Structure formats: structure tokens, C-alpha cells
Amino acid sequence: MLRRGTRTKQGSIELIYLNENTKVPCLAFAIPKTVGTAVVRNKIRRQYREEFRKLVSRDPEIIPEGNYLIKVYSTKEENLPKIELLGKALKDLKIKNEHNEN
């Protein structure tokens, strides 16, 4: 997935998309221990899952079926990734995929 997917980076997150036939978009995470304790990393996962769910229900066309990997790059708790970056990354990814199809 990491080599074949389409990538986009927004701030401290990188979103990798792999176009596969799935009925529901699949979401996975790569959050290193340098981001924080397990409690902090789990909180980030919960927040991103919820934001992803909201985006799917609000605008299903922005999220095509396939697999998504969210990689987090941050080393300090005060610099935790902003949840709003997920929507921007998904829009950027959609533009890249449309460009690659043409």
C-alpha cells in the first residue's frame, strides 16, 4: 500500500490512498511512539475516525471507496495534528486522483 498509493501531506499528517474495490472506505493509522503515550495516540485515532465518519456522512463523494492510511508526524503534545487537516488532505487527494485519471 505504501508504494502504490496516492499521497498527500497536510501539516503534520500524510494521507495515503489506495484505490481498491471496497464497499466501505477502510481507515488505518501509523502513529509512532514519538507522538506521545498510548493514551495520546489512541485519542488521535478516535478523533480522526470520528472526523472521517463525519466527512463520509456529510459529503460521500469526497471519499471514494478504497483504503486510507493516515500517518502522523509530530513529536510534541502541543503540536498534535489538527483534525481539520483531514478534510483538506482528502480534497487534495481527490484532485490528485482526478488529475491522474485524465
Protein backbone atom coordinates (compact mmCIF):
# COMPACT_ATOMS: atom_id res chain seq x y z
CA MET A 1 0.00 0.00 0.00
CA LEU A 2 2.73 2.44 0.89
CA ARG A 3 4.42 2.28 -2.52
CA ARG A 4 1.38 2.01 -4.76
CA GLY A 5 -0.88 4.58 -3.15
CA THR A 6 -1.53 8.23 -3.93
CA ARG A 7 -0.07 10.53 -1.26
CA THR A 8 -0.80 13.96 0.05
CA LYS A 9 0.61 15.77 3.05
CA GLN A 10 -1.11 18.47 5.10
CA GLY A 11 0.80 19.86 8.03
CA SER A 12 1.78 17.04 10.36
CA ILE A 13 -0.28 14.32 8.66
CA GLU A 14 0.21 12.35 5.48
CA LEU A 15 -2.71 10.62 3.81
CA ILE A 16 -2.08 7.66 1.53
CA TYR A 17 -4.93 6.35 -0.63
CA LEU A 18 -5.09 3.01 -2.39
CA ASN A 19 -7.93 2.58 -4.87
CA GLU A 20 -9.47 -0.83 -4.23
CA ASN A 21 -12.96 -2.23 -4.57
CA THR A 22 -14.37 -1.98 -1.08
CA LYS A 23 -17.95 -1.22 -0.15
CA VAL A 24 -16.86 0.92 2.77
CA PRO A 25 -13.71 3.08 2.90
CA CYS A 26 -11.13 1.45 5.21
CA LEU A 27 -9.06 3.59 7.52
CA ALA A 28 -5.70 2.68 9.08
CA PHE A 29 -3.19 4.65 11.15
CA ALA A 30 0.57 4.88 11.54
CA ILE A 31 1.32 6.87 14.67
CA PRO A 32 4.84 6.50 16.10
CA LYS A 33 5.56 6.43 19.82
CA THR A 34 7.37 9.76 19.50
CA VAL A 35 3.93 11.40 19.20
CA GLY A 36 3.09 10.54 22.80
CA THR A 37 1.87 7.88 25.15
CA ALA A 38 -0.63 5.22 24.13
CA VAL A 39 -3.39 7.38 25.59
CA VAL A 40 -2.42 10.29 23.32
CA ARG A 41 -2.08 8.07 20.23
CA ASN A 42 -5.45 6.42 20.88
CA LYS A 43 -7.06 9.83 21.32
CA ILE A 44 -5.69 10.89 17.94
CA ARG A 45 -7.08 7.72 16.33
CA ARG A 46 -10.53 8.26 17.88
CA GLN A 47 -10.63 11.88 16.77
CA TYR A 48 -9.59 11.08 13.20
CA ARG A 49 -12.04 8.16 12.94
CA GLU A 50 -14.87 10.43 14.08
CA GLU A 51 -13.86 13.20 11.66
CA PHE A 52 -13.60 10.66 8.82
CA ARG A 53 -17.06 9.34 9.69
CA LYS A 54 -18.50 12.88 9.69
CA LEU A 55 -16.90 13.66 6.33
CA VAL A 56 -18.31 10.45 4.81
CA SER A 57 -21.81 11.21 6.05
CA ARG A 58 -21.64 14.90 5.05
CA ASP A 59 -20.09 14.52 1.60
CA PRO A 60 -19.72 10.88 0.47
CA GLU A 61 -18.34 11.88 -2.94
CA ILE A 62 -15.19 13.37 -1.41
CA ILE A 63 -14.23 9.93 -0.09
CA PRO A 64 -14.06 7.30 -2.83
CA GLU A 65 -14.07 3.64 -1.88
CA GLY A 66 -10.68 2.21 -1.10
CA ASN A 67 -8.10 2.07 1.68
CA TYR A 68 -6.71 5.06 3.55
CA LEU A 69 -3.63 5.29 5.73
CA ILE A 70 -3.13 8.31 7.99
CA LYS A 71 0.49 8.81 9.02
CA VAL A 72 1.08 11.28 11.83
CA TYR A 73 4.31 13.25 12.16
CA SER A 74 4.55 15.09 15.46
CA THR A 75 6.83 14.89 18.45
CA LYS A 76 5.25 17.24 20.98
CA GLU A 77 1.80 17.11 22.52
CA GLU A 78 1.30 20.83 21.94
CA ASN A 79 1.94 20.21 18.23
CA LEU A 80 -0.60 17.41 17.86
CA PRO A 81 -2.09 17.22 14.38
CA LYS A 82 -5.15 19.31 13.74
CA ILE A 83 -8.27 17.34 12.89
CA GLU A 84 -9.30 19.89 10.23
CA LEU A 85 -6.30 18.85 8.13
CA LEU A 86 -8.02 15.56 7.27
CA GLY A 87 -10.69 17.29 5.18
CA LYS A 88 -8.09 19.34 3.34
CA ALA A 89 -5.97 16.25 2.71
CA LEU A 90 -8.97 14.33 1.35
CA LYS A 91 -9.85 17.18 -1.04
CA ASP A 92 -6.24 17.39 -2.20
CA LEU A 93 -6.18 13.62 -2.71
CA LYS A 94 -9.37 13.77 -4.79
CA ILE A 95 -7.82 16.43 -7.04
CA LYS A 96 -4.67 14.33 -7.49
CA ASN A 97 -6.73 11.23 -8.36
CA GLU A 98 -8.82 13.17 -10.90
CA HIS A 99 -5.64 14.53 -12.44
CA ASN A 100 -4.09 11.02 -12.68
CA GLU A 101 -7.23 9.62 -14.36
CA ASN A 102 -7.08 12.20 -17.19
